Amino acid sequence: MPCELVDEPTVDRQRDWLMQAMVELDPEQRRALQAHLIDGQSLREVAQRQNRHAAKLRSVIQTAIARLQELAVRDGEMSDGELPLRSASL
């Protein structure tokens, strides 16, 4: 799985929060995150489907993750500055 939540007992709450927080992202960011981190498509696959360079897509995803981190702090979902998400390809 390309993306995994670290703390299993809170997966449902985190998933619910993530779905609500993603609404606050730019549509381009939301599509990229959905395709790569949630649907599990490689950066190369997503870049080809969206007709863009992988480097640009990586930047869009990193910006979106930074925004989600800000929202998580705002919403009390995290306090240490890092979302419990991991992707091997970023």
N, C-alpha and C. Protein backbone atom coordinates (compact mmCIF):
# COMPACT_ATOMS: atom_id res chain seq x y z
N MET A 1 0.85 -1.18 0.00
CA MET A 1 0.00 0.00 0.00
C MET A 1 0.90 1.24 0.00
N PRO A 2 0.70 2.19 -0.91
CA PRO A 2 1.59 3.33 -1.01
C PRO A 2 1.48 4.32 0.13
N CYS A 3 0.36 4.34 0.80
CA CYS A 3 0.15 5.28 1.89
C CYS A 3 -0.48 4.52 3.04
N GLU A 4 0.03 4.71 4.23
CA GLU A 4 -0.57 4.02 5.34
C GLU A 4 -0.69 4.94 6.54
N LEU A 5 -1.75 4.76 7.28
CA LEU A 5 -1.94 5.51 8.51
C LEU A 5 -1.21 4.74 9.60
N VAL A 6 -0.49 5.45 10.45
CA VAL A 6 0.40 4.81 11.40
C VAL A 6 -0.32 4.20 12.59
N ASP A 7 -1.26 4.87 13.17
CA ASP A 7 -1.92 4.44 14.39
C ASP A 7 -3.25 3.77 14.05
N GLU A 8 -3.28 2.46 13.95
CA GLU A 8 -4.46 1.72 13.49
C GLU A 8 -5.75 2.00 14.28
N PRO A 9 -5.74 2.14 15.60
CA PRO A 9 -7.01 2.36 16.31
C PRO A 9 -7.73 3.65 15.93
N THR A 10 -7.02 4.58 15.35
CA THR A 10 -7.65 5.86 15.01
C THR A 10 -7.87 6.04 13.51
N VAL A 11 -7.76 4.95 12.76
CA VAL A 11 -7.86 5.03 11.30
C VAL A 11 -9.17 5.66 10.84
N ASP A 12 -10.30 5.22 11.37
CA ASP A 12 -11.59 5.75 10.93
C ASP A 12 -11.70 7.25 11.19
N ARG A 13 -11.29 7.70 12.37
CA ARG A 13 -11.37 9.13 12.69
C ARG A 13 -10.44 9.91 11.78
N GLN A 14 -9.24 9.40 11.55
CA GLN A 14 -8.29 10.08 10.67
C GLN A 14 -8.81 10.12 9.23
N ARG A 15 -9.39 9.02 8.79
CA ARG A 15 -9.94 8.99 7.43
C ARG A 15 -11.06 10.00 7.28
N ASP A 16 -11.94 10.07 8.27
CA ASP A 16 -13.03 11.05 8.23
C ASP A 16 -12.48 12.47 8.19
N TRP A 17 -11.48 12.74 9.04
CA TRP A 17 -10.88 14.08 9.05
C TRP A 17 -10.25 14.37 7.69
N LEU A 18 -9.52 13.41 7.14
CA LEU A 18 -8.84 13.61 5.86
C LEU A 18 -9.84 13.93 4.75
N MET A 19 -10.94 13.23 4.70
CA MET A 19 -11.94 13.48 3.66
C MET A 19 -12.50 14.90 3.79
N GLN A 20 -12.71 15.37 5.01
CA GLN A 20 -13.21 16.73 5.22
C GLN A 20 -12.13 17.76 4.87
N ALA A 21 -10.89 17.49 5.25
CA ALA A 21 -9.79 18.43 5.01
C ALA A 21 -9.47 18.54 3.52
N MET A 22 -9.60 17.46 2.80
CA MET A 22 -9.27 17.50 1.37
C MET A 22 -10.19 18.44 0.60
N VAL A 23 -11.38 18.68 1.11
CA VAL A 23 -12.30 19.62 0.47
C VAL A 23 -11.70 21.03 0.45
N GLU A 24 -10.83 21.32 1.42
CA GLU A 24 -10.22 22.64 1.51
C GLU A 24 -9.01 22.82 0.58
N LEU A 25 -8.60 21.74 -0.08
CA LEU A 25 -7.48 21.84 -1.01
C LEU A 25 -7.94 22.33 -2.37
N ASP A 26 -6.98 22.84 -3.12
CA ASP A 26 -7.21 23.19 -4.51
C ASP A 26 -7.61 21.91 -5.26
N PRO A 27 -8.52 21.98 -6.24
CA PRO A 27 -8.93 20.77 -6.96
C PRO A 27 -7.76 20.00 -7.59
N GLU A 28 -6.76 20.71 -8.10
CA GLU A 28 -5.58 20.05 -8.68
C GLU A 28 -4.84 19.25 -7.62
N GLN A 29 -4.69 19.83 -6.43
CA GLN A 29 -4.02 19.14 -5.33
C GLN A 29 -4.83 17.93 -4.89
N ARG A 30 -6.12 18.10 -4.79
CA ARG A 30 -7.01 17.02 -4.37
C ARG A 30 -6.92 15.84 -5.34
N ARG A 31 -6.97 16.12 -6.65
CA ARG A 31 -6.89 15.04 -7.65
C ARG A 31 -5.55 14.31 -7.56
N ALA A 32 -4.47 15.06 -7.39
CA ALA A 32 -3.14 14.43 -7.32
C ALA A 32 -3.00 13.56 -6.07
N LEU A 33 -3.44 14.07 -4.93
CA LEU A 33 -3.38 13.28 -3.69
C LEU A 33 -4.25 12.04 -3.78
N GLN A 34 -5.44 12.22 -4.28
CA GLN A 34 -6.37 11.09 -4.42
C GLN A 34 -5.74 9.99 -5.28
N ALA A 35 -5.22 10.38 -6.43
CA ALA A 35 -4.67 9.40 -7.36
C ALA A 35 -3.43 8.71 -6.80
N HIS A 36 -2.52 9.49 -6.21
CA HIS A 36 -1.25 8.92 -5.77
C HIS A 36 -1.33 8.27 -4.38
N LEU A 37 -1.73 9.01 -3.39
CA LEU A 37 -1.67 8.50 -2.02
C LEU A 37 -2.85 7.62 -1.64
N ILE A 38 -4.01 7.87 -2.21
CA ILE A 38 -5.19 7.10 -1.81
C ILE A 38 -5.45 5.95 -2.78
N ASP A 39 -5.40 6.23 -4.09
CA ASP A 39 -5.66 5.19 -5.09
C ASP A 39 -4.43 4.34 -5.38
N GLY A 40 -3.25 4.82 -4.96
CA GLY A 40 -2.04 4.03 -5.09
C GLY A 40 -1.36 4.06 -6.44
N GLN A 41 -1.68 5.02 -7.27
CA GLN A 41 -1.03 5.13 -8.58
C GLN A 41 0.38 5.72 -8.39
N SER A 42 1.31 5.29 -9.21
CA SER A 42 2.67 5.84 -9.13
C SER A 42 2.65 7.29 -9.62
N LEU A 43 3.70 8.02 -9.24
CA LEU A 43 3.82 9.41 -9.72
C LEU A 43 3.84 9.43 -11.25
N ARG A 44 4.54 8.50 -11.83
CA ARG A 44 4.63 8.43 -13.29
C ARG A 44 3.25 8.22 -13.91
N GLU A 45 2.45 7.30 -13.35
CA GLU A 45 1.11 7.05 -13.88
C GLU A 45 0.23 8.30 -13.77
N VAL A 46 0.26 8.93 -12.62
CA VAL A 46 -0.57 10.12 -12.41
C VAL A 46 -0.12 11.24 -13.35
N ALA A 47 1.17 11.43 -13.47
CA ALA A 47 1.70 12.47 -14.36
C ALA A 47 1.27 12.23 -15.80
N GLN A 48 1.34 10.99 -16.25
CA GLN A 48 0.92 10.68 -17.61
C GLN A 48 -0.57 10.93 -17.80
N ARG A 49 -1.37 10.50 -16.84
CA ARG A 49 -2.82 10.70 -16.93
C ARG A 49 -3.22 12.17 -16.89
N GLN A 50 -2.45 12.96 -16.14
CA GLN A 50 -2.77 14.38 -16.02
C GLN A 50 -1.96 15.23 -17.00
N ASN A 51 -1.20 14.57 -17.87
CA ASN A 51 -0.43 15.24 -18.92
C ASN A 51 0.49 16.33 -18.34
N ARG A 52 1.33 15.93 -17.38
CA ARG A 52 2.27 16.86 -16.76
C ARG A 52 3.55 16.14 -16.39
N HIS A 53 4.58 16.90 -16.09
CA HIS A 53 5.85 16.33 -15.67
C HIS A 53 5.73 15.81 -14.24
N ALA A 54 6.42 14.71 -13.97
CA ALA A 54 6.40 14.12 -12.63
C ALA A 54 6.95 15.08 -11.58
N ALA A 55 7.94 15.89 -11.93
CA ALA A 55 8.51 16.85 -10.98
C ALA A 55 7.46 17.88 -10.56
N LYS A 56 6.65 18.35 -11.49
CA LYS A 56 5.59 19.30 -11.17
C LYS A 56 4.54 18.63 -10.29
N LEU A 57 4.20 17.40 -10.62
CA LEU A 57 3.21 16.67 -9.83
C LEU A 57 3.72 16.46 -8.40
N ARG A 58 4.99 16.11 -8.26
CA ARG A 58 5.58 15.93 -6.94
C ARG A 58 5.47 17.22 -6.13
N SER A 59 5.72 18.35 -6.77
CA SER A 59 5.61 19.65 -6.10
C SER A 59 4.17 19.92 -5.67
N VAL A 60 3.21 19.61 -6.52
CA VAL A 60 1.79 19.80 -6.19
C VAL A 60 1.43 18.95 -4.97
N ILE A 61 1.88 17.70 -4.96
CA ILE A 61 1.57 16.79 -3.85
C ILE A 61 2.23 17.28 -2.56
N GLN A 62 3.49 17.70 -2.64
CA GLN A 62 4.18 18.18 -1.44
C GLN A 62 3.51 19.43 -0.88
N THR A 63 3.07 20.32 -1.75
CA THR A 63 2.35 21.53 -1.31
C THR A 63 1.03 21.15 -0.65
N ALA A 64 0.34 20.18 -1.24
CA ALA A 64 -0.93 19.73 -0.67
C ALA A 64 -0.73 19.09 0.70
N ILE A 65 0.32 18.30 0.85
CA ILE A 65 0.60 17.67 2.14
C ILE A 65 0.93 18.74 3.18
N ALA A 66 1.69 19.75 2.78
CA ALA A 66 2.00 20.86 3.71
C ALA A 66 0.71 21.56 4.15
N ARG A 67 -0.21 21.75 3.22
CA ARG A 67 -1.50 22.38 3.56
C ARG A 67 -2.29 21.49 4.50
N LEU A 68 -2.30 20.18 4.25
CA LEU A 68 -3.00 19.26 5.15
C LEU A 68 -2.38 19.29 6.54
N GLN A 69 -1.06 19.44 6.61
CA GLN A 69 -0.41 19.55 7.92
C GLN A 69 -0.88 20.79 8.66
N GLU A 70 -0.99 21.92 7.95
CA GLU A 70 -1.50 23.15 8.57
C GLU A 70 -2.92 22.93 9.08
N LEU A 71 -3.75 22.29 8.28
CA LEU A 71 -5.13 22.04 8.68
C LEU A 71 -5.20 21.08 9.86
N ALA A 72 -4.31 20.10 9.89
CA ALA A 72 -4.29 19.14 10.99
C ALA A 72 -3.92 19.83 12.31
N VAL A 73 -2.96 20.73 12.25
CA VAL A 73 -2.60 21.49 13.45
C VAL A 73 -3.78 22.35 13.88
N ARG A 74 -4.38 23.03 12.91
CA ARG A 74 -5.54 23.89 13.20
C ARG A 74 -6.67 23.09 13.87
N ASP A 75 -6.90 21.88 13.36
CA ASP A 75 -8.01 21.06 13.85
C ASP A 75 -7.65 20.18 15.04
N GLY A 76 -6.41 20.28 15.51
CA GLY A 76 -6.00 19.49 16.66
C GLY A 76 -5.73 18.03 16.33
N GLU A 77 -5.51 17.72 15.07
CA GLU A 77 -5.24 16.34 14.66
C GLU A 77 -3.77 15.97 14.84
N MET A 78 -2.92 16.98 14.96
CA MET A 78 -1.50 16.72 15.20
C MET A 78 -0.89 17.94 15.87
N SER A 79 0.17 17.68 16.60
CA SER A 79 0.85 18.81 17.24
C SER A 79 2.34 18.80 16.94
N ASP A 80 2.86 17.73 16.35
CA ASP A 80 4.30 17.64 16.13
C ASP A 80 4.74 18.07 14.74
N GLY A 81 3.82 18.57 13.91
CA GLY A 81 4.20 19.08 12.62
C GLY A 81 4.32 18.06 11.51
N GLU A 82 3.90 16.82 11.75
CA GLU A 82 4.01 15.82 10.70
C GLU A 82 2.78 14.92 10.67
N LEU A 83 2.15 14.86 9.50
CA LEU A 83 1.02 13.96 9.34
C LEU A 83 1.51 12.52 9.38
N PRO A 84 0.70 11.61 9.94
CA PRO A 84 1.12 10.22 10.00
C PRO A 84 0.91 9.50 8.67
N LEU A 85 1.39 10.09 7.58
CA LEU A 85 1.28 9.49 6.25
C LEU A 85 2.68 9.26 5.72
N ARG A 86 2.83 8.15 5.00
CA ARG A 86 4.13 7.87 4.40
C ARG A 86 3.93 7.48 2.96
N SER A 87 4.78 7.97 2.09
CA SER A 87 4.80 7.58 0.69
C SER A 87 6.25 7.39 0.30
N ALA A 88 6.56 6.23 -0.23
CA ALA A 88 7.94 5.92 -0.59
C ALA A 88 8.43 6.76 -1.76
N SER A 89 7.53 7.29 -2.55
CA SER A 89 7.96 7.97 -3.78
C SER A 89 8.04 9.47 -3.67
N LEU A 90 7.89 10.05 -2.50
CA LEU A 90 7.99 11.51 -2.38
C LEU A 90 9.27 11.93 -1.72
